[in-house]
Amino acid sequence: MTSHATDPGSSPVVAVTDPMTIIGIETLSQAAEMLREDLGIANRRIDELLAALADARTAAMISGYEAAALRAQLALLNALNRRPWWRRWFR
């Protein structure tokens, strides 16, 4: 049989009776719980921001493609409206 004092896998249980120690432990426990809640809120906010970033990147890509298509259309119109050199010379 192994005693708790010599077993490295078990943690000894200490009875705390000092009121200041009890208050300190309760305060730390409350602070840890508040931090857990804040972390959960922060994780949800990060997820929202990542989704917004993905939407913005998609919109930017679409805008870039639309701009390229408009430039191609403009180049085509310019090519169609341009007169050959001999028509410009012999007006």
PDB file of N, CA and C in Angstrom:
ATOM      1  N   MET A   1       0.832  -1.166   0.000  1.00  0.00           N
ATOM      2  CA  MET A   1       0.000   0.000   0.000  1.00  0.00           C
ATOM      3  C   MET A   1       0.882   1.236   0.000  1.00  0.00           C
ATOM      4  N   THR A   2       0.543   2.220  -0.833  1.00  0.00           N
ATOM      5  CA  THR A   2       1.354   3.421  -0.969  1.00  0.00           C
ATOM      6  C   THR A   2       0.697   4.560  -0.232  1.00  0.00           C
ATOM      7  N   SER A   3       1.505   5.305   0.485  1.00  0.00           N
ATOM      8  CA  SER A   3       0.961   6.458   1.190  1.00  0.00           C
ATOM      9  C   SER A   3       0.919   7.648   0.236  1.00  0.00           C
ATOM     10  N   HIS A   4       0.059   8.599   0.523  1.00  0.00           N
ATOM     11  CA  HIS A   4      -0.059   9.789  -0.321  1.00  0.00           C
ATOM     12  C   HIS A   4       1.195  10.648  -0.288  1.00  0.00           C
ATOM     13  N   ALA A   5       1.942  10.547   0.766  1.00  0.00           N
ATOM     14  CA  ALA A   5       3.152  11.360   0.890  1.00  0.00           C
ATOM     15  C   ALA A   5       4.245  10.879  -0.050  1.00  0.00           C
ATOM     16  N   THR A   6       4.282   9.574  -0.342  1.00  0.00           N
ATOM     17  CA  THR A   6       5.351   9.053  -1.186  1.00  0.00           C
ATOM     18  C   THR A   6       4.908   8.814  -2.618  1.00  0.00           C
ATOM     19  N   ASP A   7       3.605   8.850  -2.906  1.00  0.00           N
ATOM     20  CA  ASP A   7       3.106   8.612  -4.262  1.00  0.00           C
ATOM     21  C   ASP A   7       3.252   9.895  -5.082  1.00  0.00           C
ATOM     22  N   PRO A   8       4.121   9.879  -6.116  1.00  0.00           N
ATOM     23  CA  PRO A   8       4.337  11.107  -6.882  1.00  0.00           C
ATOM     24  C   PRO A   8       3.147  11.465  -7.768  1.00  0.00           C
ATOM     25  N   GLY A   9       2.240  10.528  -8.047  1.00  0.00           N
ATOM     26  CA  GLY A   9       1.111  10.803  -8.922  1.00  0.00           C
ATOM     27  C   GLY A   9      -0.055  11.466  -8.225  1.00  0.00           C
ATOM     28  N   SER A  10      -0.081  11.465  -6.932  1.00  0.00           N
ATOM     29  CA  SER A  10      -1.222  12.061  -6.239  1.00  0.00           C
ATOM     30  C   SER A  10      -0.827  13.405  -5.637  1.00  0.00           C
ATOM     31  N   SER A  11      -1.791  14.307  -5.587  1.00  0.00           N
ATOM     32  CA  SER A  11      -1.517  15.608  -4.978  1.00  0.00           C
ATOM     33  C   SER A  11      -2.102  15.611  -3.578  1.00  0.00           C
ATOM     34  N   PRO A  12      -1.347  16.098  -2.647  1.00  0.00           N
ATOM     35  CA  PRO A  12      -1.847  16.103  -1.267  1.00  0.00           C
ATOM     36  C   PRO A  12      -2.975  17.116  -1.112  1.00  0.00           C
ATOM     37  N   VAL A  13      -3.948  16.771  -0.300  1.00  0.00           N
ATOM     38  CA  VAL A  13      -5.069  17.658  -0.021  1.00  0.00           C
ATOM     39  C   VAL A  13      -4.767  18.373   1.277  1.00  0.00           C
ATOM     40  N   VAL A  14      -4.785  19.700   1.197  1.00  0.00           N
ATOM     41  CA  VAL A  14      -4.473  20.505   2.369  1.00  0.00           C
ATOM     42  C   VAL A  14      -5.743  21.225   2.792  1.00  0.00           C
ATOM     43  N   ALA A  15      -6.093  21.126   4.026  1.00  0.00           N
ATOM     44  CA  ALA A  15      -7.260  21.834   4.543  1.00  0.00           C
ATOM     45  C   ALA A  15      -6.850  23.268   4.845  1.00  0.00           C
ATOM     46  N   VAL A  16      -7.547  24.208   4.221  1.00  0.00           N
ATOM     47  CA  VAL A  16      -7.237  25.622   4.414  1.00  0.00           C
ATOM     48  C   VAL A  16      -8.292  26.212   5.331  1.00  0.00           C
ATOM     49  N   THR A  17      -7.846  26.827   6.401  1.00  0.00           N
ATOM     50  CA  THR A  17      -8.780  27.422   7.353  1.00  0.00           C
ATOM     51  C   THR A  17      -8.564  28.911   7.505  1.00  0.00           C
ATOM     52  N   ASP A  18      -7.492  29.439   6.920  1.00  0.00           N
ATOM     53  CA  ASP A  18      -7.213  30.860   7.030  1.00  0.00           C
ATOM     54  C   ASP A  18      -8.210  31.623   6.144  1.00  0.00           C
ATOM     55  N   PRO A  19      -8.968  32.581   6.733  1.00  0.00           N
ATOM     56  CA  PRO A  19      -9.980  33.301   5.946  1.00  0.00           C
ATOM     57  C   PRO A  19      -9.376  34.092   4.774  1.00  0.00           C
ATOM     58  N   MET A  20      -8.220  34.654   4.927  1.00  0.00           N
ATOM     59  CA  MET A  20      -7.597  35.425   3.848  1.00  0.00           C
ATOM     60  C   MET A  20      -7.211  34.502   2.691  1.00  0.00           C
ATOM     61  N   THR A  21      -6.757  33.304   3.013  1.00  0.00           N
ATOM     62  CA  THR A  21      -6.407  32.347   1.971  1.00  0.00           C
ATOM     63  C   THR A  21      -7.669  31.902   1.222  1.00  0.00           C
ATOM     64  N   ILE A  22      -8.742  31.659   1.950  1.00  0.00           N
ATOM     65  CA  ILE A  22     -10.004  31.260   1.330  1.00  0.00           C
ATOM     66  C   ILE A  22     -10.517  32.365   0.412  1.00  0.00           C
ATOM     67  N   ILE A  23     -10.471  33.601   0.869  1.00  0.00           N
ATOM     68  CA  ILE A  23     -10.912  34.743   0.052  1.00  0.00           C
ATOM     69  C   ILE A  23     -10.032  34.870  -1.185  1.00  0.00           C
ATOM     70  N   GLY A  24      -8.734  34.690  -1.012  1.00  0.00           N
ATOM     71  CA  GLY A  24      -7.814  34.774  -2.159  1.00  0.00           C
ATOM     72  C   GLY A  24      -8.097  33.696  -3.191  1.00  0.00           C
ATOM     73  N   ILE A  25      -8.354  32.475  -2.723  1.00  0.00           N
ATOM     74  CA  ILE A  25      -8.650  31.363  -3.636  1.00  0.00           C
ATOM     75  C   ILE A  25      -9.967  31.617  -4.361  1.00  0.00           C
ATOM     76  N   GLU A  26     -10.983  32.090  -3.634  1.00  0.00           N
ATOM     77  CA  GLU A  26     -12.276  32.386  -4.268  1.00  0.00           C
ATOM     78  C   GLU A  26     -12.133  33.503  -5.302  1.00  0.00           C
ATOM     79  N   THR A  27     -11.346  34.521  -4.976  1.00  0.00           N
ATOM     80  CA  THR A  27     -11.131  35.632  -5.900  1.00  0.00           C
ATOM     81  C   THR A  27     -10.419  35.155  -7.159  1.00  0.00           C
ATOM     82  N   LEU A  28      -9.399  34.323  -6.990  1.00  0.00           N
ATOM     83  CA  LEU A  28      -8.695  33.779  -8.153  1.00  0.00           C
ATOM     84  C   LEU A  28      -9.606  32.880  -8.984  1.00  0.00           C
ATOM     85  N   SER A  29     -10.454  32.114  -8.326  1.00  0.00           N
ATOM     86  CA  SER A  29     -11.386  31.258  -9.050  1.00  0.00           C
ATOM     87  C   SER A  29     -12.370  32.094  -9.864  1.00  0.00           C
ATOM     88  N   GLN A  30     -12.876  33.169  -9.276  1.00  0.00           N
ATOM     89  CA  GLN A  30     -13.792  34.056  -9.994  1.00  0.00           C
ATOM     90  C   GLN A  30     -13.083  34.738 -11.163  1.00  0.00           C
ATOM     91  N   ALA A  31     -11.846  35.172 -10.939  1.00  0.00           N
ATOM     92  CA  ALA A  31     -11.078  35.815 -12.008  1.00  0.00           C
ATOM     93  C   ALA A  31     -10.827  34.833 -13.149  1.00  0.00           C
ATOM     94  N   ALA A  32     -10.508  33.589 -12.806  1.00  0.00           N
ATOM     95  CA  ALA A  32     -10.281  32.579 -13.844  1.00  0.00           C
ATOM     96  C   ALA A  32     -11.560  32.325 -14.639  1.00  0.00           C
ATOM     97  N   GLU A  33     -12.698  32.274 -13.960  1.00  0.00           N
ATOM     98  CA  GLU A  33     -13.975  32.071 -14.652  1.00  0.00           C
ATOM     99  C   GLU A  33     -14.301  33.257 -15.559  1.00  0.00           C
ATOM    100  N   MET A  34     -14.054  34.463 -15.107  1.00  0.00           N
ATOM    101  CA  MET A  34     -14.283  35.653 -15.938  1.00  0.00           C
ATOM    102  C   MET A  34     -13.379  35.640 -17.161  1.00  0.00           C
ATOM    103  N   LEU A  35     -12.137  35.209 -16.975  1.00  0.00           N
ATOM    104  CA  LEU A  35     -11.222  35.119 -18.116  1.00  0.00           C
ATOM    105  C   LEU A  35     -11.686  34.060 -19.111  1.00  0.00           C
ATOM    106  N   ARG A  36     -12.228  32.943 -18.620  1.00  0.00           N
ATOM    107  CA  ARG A  36     -12.766  31.918 -19.515  1.00  0.00           C
ATOM    108  C   ARG A  36     -13.920  32.477 -20.348  1.00  0.00           C
ATOM    109  N   GLU A  37     -14.797  33.238 -19.688  1.00  0.00           N
ATOM    110  CA  GLU A  37     -15.919  33.855 -20.400  1.00  0.00           C
ATOM    111  C   GLU A  37     -15.421  34.848 -21.444  1.00  0.00           C
ATOM    112  N   ASP A  38     -14.454  35.688 -21.045  1.00  0.00           N
ATOM    113  CA  ASP A  38     -13.890  36.664 -21.985  1.00  0.00           C
ATOM    114  C   ASP A  38     -13.219  35.975 -23.165  1.00  0.00           C
ATOM    115  N   LEU A  39     -12.560  34.863 -22.898  1.00  0.00           N
ATOM    116  CA  LEU A  39     -11.909  34.114 -23.976  1.00  0.00           C
ATOM    117  C   LEU A  39     -12.943  33.542 -24.938  1.00  0.00           C
ATOM    118  N   GLY A  40     -14.046  33.055 -24.405  1.00  0.00           N
ATOM    119  CA  GLY A  40     -15.116  32.553 -25.259  1.00  0.00           C
ATOM    120  C   GLY A  40     -15.690  33.650 -26.133  1.00  0.00           C
ATOM    121  N   ILE A  41     -15.895  34.836 -25.567  1.00  0.00           N
ATOM    122  CA  ILE A  41     -16.394  35.976 -26.333  1.00  0.00           C
ATOM    123  C   ILE A  41     -15.378  36.381 -27.396  1.00  0.00           C
ATOM    124  N   ALA A  42     -14.109  36.417 -27.029  1.00  0.00           N
ATOM    125  CA  ALA A  42     -13.057  36.796 -27.977  1.00  0.00           C
ATOM    126  C   ALA A  42     -12.976  35.786 -29.122  1.00  0.00           C
ATOM    127  N   ASN A  43     -13.103  34.503 -28.811  1.00  0.00           N
ATOM    128  CA  ASN A  43     -13.067  33.482 -29.867  1.00  0.00           C
ATOM    129  C   ASN A  43     -14.231  33.640 -30.831  1.00  0.00           C
ATOM    130  N   ARG A  44     -15.423  33.953 -30.277  1.00  0.00           N
ATOM    131  CA  ARG A  44     -16.576  34.179 -31.169  1.00  0.00           C
ATOM    132  C   ARG A  44     -16.348  35.403 -32.034  1.00  0.00           C
ATOM    133  N   ARG A  45     -15.769  36.440 -31.461  1.00  0.00           N
ATOM    134  CA  ARG A  45     -15.521  37.671 -32.228  1.00  0.00           C
ATOM    135  C   ARG A  45     -14.482  37.419 -33.313  1.00  0.00           C
ATOM    136  N   ILE A  46     -13.466  36.624 -32.993  1.00  0.00           N
ATOM    137  CA  ILE A  46     -12.448  36.286 -33.999  1.00  0.00           C
ATOM    138  C   ILE A  46     -13.089  35.531 -35.160  1.00  0.00           C
ATOM    139  N   ASP A  47     -14.008  34.615 -34.842  1.00  0.00           N
ATOM    140  CA  ASP A  47     -14.705  33.886 -35.901  1.00  0.00           C
ATOM    141  C   ASP A  47     -15.498  34.840 -36.788  1.00  0.00           C
ATOM    142  N   GLU A  48     -16.186  35.819 -36.167  1.00  0.00           N
ATOM    143  CA  GLU A  48     -16.941  36.803 -36.939  1.00  0.00           C
ATOM    144  C   GLU A  48     -16.011  37.622 -37.835  1.00  0.00           C
ATOM    145  N   LEU A  49     -14.878  38.033 -37.295  1.00  0.00           N
ATOM    146  CA  LEU A  49     -13.936  38.839 -38.064  1.00  0.00           C
ATOM    147  C   LEU A  49     -13.319  38.041 -39.209  1.00  0.00           C
ATOM    148  N   LEU A  50     -13.039  36.765 -38.980  1.00  0.00           N
ATOM    149  CA  LEU A  50     -12.505  35.927 -40.050  1.00  0.00           C
ATOM    150  C   LEU A  50     -13.525  35.762 -41.174  1.00  0.00           C
ATOM    151  N   ALA A  51     -14.798  35.615 -40.807  1.00  0.00           N
ATOM    152  CA  ALA A  51     -15.841  35.511 -41.834  1.00  0.00           C
ATOM    153  C   ALA A  51     -15.954  36.812 -42.612  1.00  0.00           C
ATOM    154  N   ALA A  52     -15.888  37.950 -41.905  1.00  0.00           N
ATOM    155  CA  ALA A  52     -15.953  39.251 -42.584  1.00  0.00           C
ATOM    156  C   ALA A  52     -14.741  39.445 -43.491  1.00  0.00           C
ATOM    157  N   LEU A  53     -13.578  39.010 -43.049  1.00  0.00           N
ATOM    158  CA  LEU A  53     -12.381  39.116 -43.870  1.00  0.00           C
ATOM    159  C   LEU A  53     -12.504  38.264 -45.129  1.00  0.00           C
ATOM    160  N   ALA A  54     -13.027  37.061 -44.987  1.00  0.00           N
ATOM    161  CA  ALA A  54     -13.213  36.199 -46.150  1.00  0.00           C
ATOM    162  C   ALA A  54     -14.193  36.830 -47.134  1.00  0.00           C
ATOM    163  N   ASP A  55     -15.265  37.434 -46.609  1.00  0.00           N
ATOM    164  CA  ASP A  55     -16.227  38.112 -47.481  1.00  0.00           C
ATOM    165  C   ASP A  55     -15.580  39.289 -48.198  1.00  0.00           C
ATOM    166  N   ALA A  56     -14.769  40.059 -47.480  1.00  0.00           N
ATOM    167  CA  ALA A  56     -14.109  41.225 -48.087  1.00  0.00           C
ATOM    168  C   ALA A  56     -13.116  40.786 -49.157  1.00  0.00           C
ATOM    169  N   ARG A  57     -12.382  39.722 -48.893  1.00  0.00           N
ATOM    170  CA  ARG A  57     -11.429  39.223 -49.901  1.00  0.00           C
ATOM    171  C   ARG A  57     -12.158  38.727 -51.139  1.00  0.00           C
ATOM    172  N   THR A  58     -13.284  38.049 -50.945  1.00  0.00           N
ATOM    173  CA  THR A  58     -14.074  37.579 -52.080  1.00  0.00           C
ATOM    174  C   THR A  58     -14.598  38.757 -52.888  1.00  0.00           C
ATOM    175  N   ALA A  59     -15.098  39.784 -52.194  1.00  0.00           N
ATOM    176  CA  ALA A  59     -15.595  40.975 -52.887  1.00  0.00           C
ATOM    177  C   ALA A  59     -14.480  41.670 -53.648  1.00  0.00           C
ATOM    178  N   ALA A  60     -13.296  41.727 -53.069  1.00  0.00           N
ATOM    179  CA  ALA A  60     -12.160  42.355 -53.749  1.00  0.00           C
ATOM    180  C   ALA A  60     -11.770  41.566 -54.996  1.00  0.00           C
ATOM    181  N   MET A  61     -11.796  40.245 -54.901  1.00  0.00           N
ATOM    182  CA  MET A  61     -11.470  39.430 -56.072  1.00  0.00           C
ATOM    183  C   MET A  61     -12.506  39.634 -57.170  1.00  0.00           C
ATOM    184  N   ILE A  62     -13.784  39.669 -56.789  1.00  0.00           N
ATOM    185  CA  ILE A  62     -14.841  39.876 -57.779  1.00  0.00           C
ATOM    186  C   ILE A  62     -14.689  41.248 -58.424  1.00  0.00           C
ATOM    187  N   SER A  63     -14.395  42.272 -57.610  1.00  0.00           N
ATOM    188  CA  SER A  63     -14.194  43.614 -58.151  1.00  0.00           C
ATOM    189  C   SER A  63     -13.020  43.650 -59.117  1.00  0.00           C
ATOM    190  N   GLY A  64     -11.966  42.943 -58.783  1.00  0.00           N
ATOM    191  CA  GLY A  64     -10.808  42.887 -59.673  1.00  0.00           C
ATOM    192  C   GLY A  64     -11.145  42.226 -60.997  1.00  0.00           C
ATOM    193  N   TYR A  65     -11.924  41.143 -60.930  1.00  0.00           N
ATOM    194  CA  TYR A  65     -12.324  40.463 -62.157  1.00  0.00           C
ATOM    195  C   TYR A  65     -13.246  41.341 -62.992  1.00  0.00           C
ATOM    196  N   GLU A  66     -14.164  42.044 -62.324  1.00  0.00           N
ATOM    197  CA  GLU A  66     -15.064  42.933 -63.054  1.00  0.00           C
ATOM    198  C   GLU A  66     -14.291  44.076 -63.707  1.00  0.00           C
ATOM    199  N   ALA A  67     -13.301  44.614 -63.008  1.00  0.00           N
ATOM    200  CA  ALA A  67     -12.483  45.684 -63.573  1.00  0.00           C
ATOM    201  C   ALA A  67     -11.703  45.177 -64.781  1.00  0.00           C
ATOM    202  N   ALA A  68     -11.180  43.976 -64.703  1.00  0.00           N
ATOM    203  CA  ALA A  68     -10.449  43.402 -65.831  1.00  0.00           C
ATOM    204  C   ALA A  68     -11.380  43.195 -67.021  1.00  0.00           C
ATOM    205  N   ALA A  69     -12.598  42.745 -66.764  1.00  0.00           N
ATOM    206  CA  ALA A  69     -13.562  42.553 -67.852  1.00  0.00           C
ATOM    207  C   ALA A  69     -13.918  43.890 -68.491  1.00  0.00           C
ATOM    208  N   LEU A  70     -14.100  44.924 -67.671  1.00  0.00           N
ATOM    209  CA  LEU A  70     -14.405  46.254 -68.219  1.00  0.00           C
ATOM    210  C   LEU A  70     -13.239  46.798 -69.041  1.00  0.00           C
ATOM    211  N   ARG A  71     -12.014  46.562 -68.576  1.00  0.00           N
ATOM    212  CA  ARG A  71     -10.849  47.011 -69.349  1.00  0.00           C
ATOM    213  C   ARG A  71     -10.772  46.287 -70.690  1.00  0.00           C
ATOM    214  N   ALA A  72     -11.094  44.996 -70.676  1.00  0.00           N
ATOM    215  CA  ALA A  72     -11.081  44.229 -71.924  1.00  0.00           C
ATOM    216  C   ALA A  72     -12.154  44.743 -72.877  1.00  0.00           C
ATOM    217  N   GLN A  73     -13.326  45.053 -72.348  1.00  0.00           N
ATOM    218  CA  GLN A  73     -14.384  45.604 -73.199  1.00  0.00           C
ATOM    219  C   GLN A  73     -13.985  46.957 -73.763  1.00  0.00           C
ATOM    220  N   LEU A  74     -13.369  47.790 -72.947  1.00  0.00           N
ATOM    221  CA  LEU A  74     -12.916  49.096 -73.407  1.00  0.00           C
ATOM    222  C   LEU A  74     -11.854  48.953 -74.485  1.00  0.00           C
ATOM    223  N   ALA A  75     -10.928  48.039 -74.288  1.00  0.00           N
ATOM    224  CA  ALA A  75      -9.897  47.816 -75.303  1.00  0.00           C
ATOM    225  C   ALA A  75     -10.520  47.335 -76.608  1.00  0.00           C
ATOM    226  N   LEU A  76     -11.528  46.484 -76.503  1.00  0.00           N
ATOM    227  CA  LEU A  76     -12.212  46.003 -77.702  1.00  0.00           C
ATOM    228  C   LEU A  76     -12.942  47.143 -78.406  1.00  0.00           C
ATOM    229  N   LEU A  77     -13.636  47.976 -77.649  1.00  0.00           N
ATOM    230  CA  LEU A  77     -14.331  49.122 -78.240  1.00  0.00           C
ATOM    231  C   LEU A  77     -13.350  50.094 -78.881  1.00  0.00           C
ATOM    232  N   ASN A  78     -12.227  50.343 -78.225  1.00  0.00           N
ATOM    233  CA  ASN A  78     -11.218  51.228 -78.796  1.00  0.00           C
ATOM    234  C   ASN A  78     -10.665  50.649 -80.096  1.00  0.00           C
ATOM    235  N   ALA A  79     -10.479  49.348 -80.109  1.00  0.00           N
ATOM    236  CA  ALA A  79      -9.959  48.708 -81.320  1.00  0.00           C
ATOM    237  C   ALA A  79     -10.987  48.785 -82.444  1.00  0.00           C
ATOM    238  N   LEU A  80     -12.267  48.661 -82.120  1.00  0.00           N
ATOM    239  CA  LEU A  80     -13.304  48.729 -83.147  1.00  0.00           C
ATOM    240  C   LEU A  80     -13.504  50.152 -83.656  1.00  0.00           C
ATOM    241  N   ASN A  81     -13.337  51.129 -82.794  1.00  0.00           N
ATOM    242  CA  ASN A  81     -13.562  52.522 -83.178  1.00  0.00           C
ATOM    243  C   ASN A  81     -12.338  53.151 -83.836  1.00  0.00           C
ATOM    244  N   ARG A  82     -11.209  52.541 -83.716  1.00  0.00           N
ATOM    245  CA  ARG A  82      -9.994  53.111 -84.292  1.00  0.00           C
ATOM    246  C   ARG A  82     -10.028  52.915 -85.806  1.00  0.00           C
ATOM    247  N   ARG A  83      -9.755  53.969 -86.503  1.00  0.00           N
ATOM    248  CA  ARG A  83      -9.711  53.879 -87.962  1.00  0.00           C
ATOM    249  C   ARG A  83      -8.334  53.417 -88.392  1.00  0.00           C
ATOM    250  N   PRO A  84      -8.272  52.714 -89.497  1.00  0.00           N
ATOM    251  CA  PRO A  84      -6.966  52.313 -90.007  1.00  0.00           C
ATOM    252  C   PRO A  84      -6.127  53.545 -90.357  1.00  0.00           C
ATOM    253  N   TRP A  85      -4.815  53.381 -90.422  1.00  0.00           N
ATOM    254  CA  TRP A  85      -3.915  54.505 -90.637  1.00  0.00           C
ATOM    255  C   TRP A  85      -4.169  55.189 -91.971  1.00  0.00           C
ATOM    256  N   TRP A  86      -4.529  54.411 -92.996  1.00  0.00           N
ATOM    257  CA  TRP A  86      -4.731  55.051 -94.296  1.00  0.00           C
ATOM    258  C   TRP A  86      -5.988  55.913 -94.329  1.00  0.00           C
ATOM    259  N   ARG A  87      -6.971  55.602 -93.506  1.00  0.00           N
ATOM    260  CA  ARG A  87      -8.156  56.455 -93.438  1.00  0.00           C
ATOM    261  C   ARG A  87      -7.890  57.716 -92.655  1.00  0.00           C
ATOM    262  N   ARG A  88      -6.980  57.635 -91.700  1.00  0.00           N
ATOM    263  CA  ARG A  88      -6.625  58.833 -90.953  1.00  0.00           C
ATOM    264  C   ARG A  88      -5.795  59.780 -91.842  1.00  0.00           C
ATOM    265  N   TRP A  89      -4.988  59.225 -92.748  1.00  0.00           N
ATOM    266  CA  TRP A  89      -4.133  60.052 -93.580  1.00  0.00           C
ATOM    267  C   TRP A  89      -4.899  60.700 -94.736  1.00  0.00           C
ATOM    268  N   PHE A  90      -5.835  59.963 -95.312  1.00  0.00           N
ATOM    269  CA  PHE A  90      -6.548  60.438 -96.486  1.00  0.00           C
ATOM    270  C   PHE A  90      -7.972  60.814 -96.165  1.00  0.00           C
ATOM    271  N   ARG A  91      -8.149  61.803 -95.434  1.00  0.00           N
ATOM    272  CA  ARG A  91      -9.495  62.268 -95.083  1.00  0.00           C
ATOM    273  C   ARG A  91     -10.039  63.151 -96.148  1.00  0.00           C
TER     274      ARG A  91
END
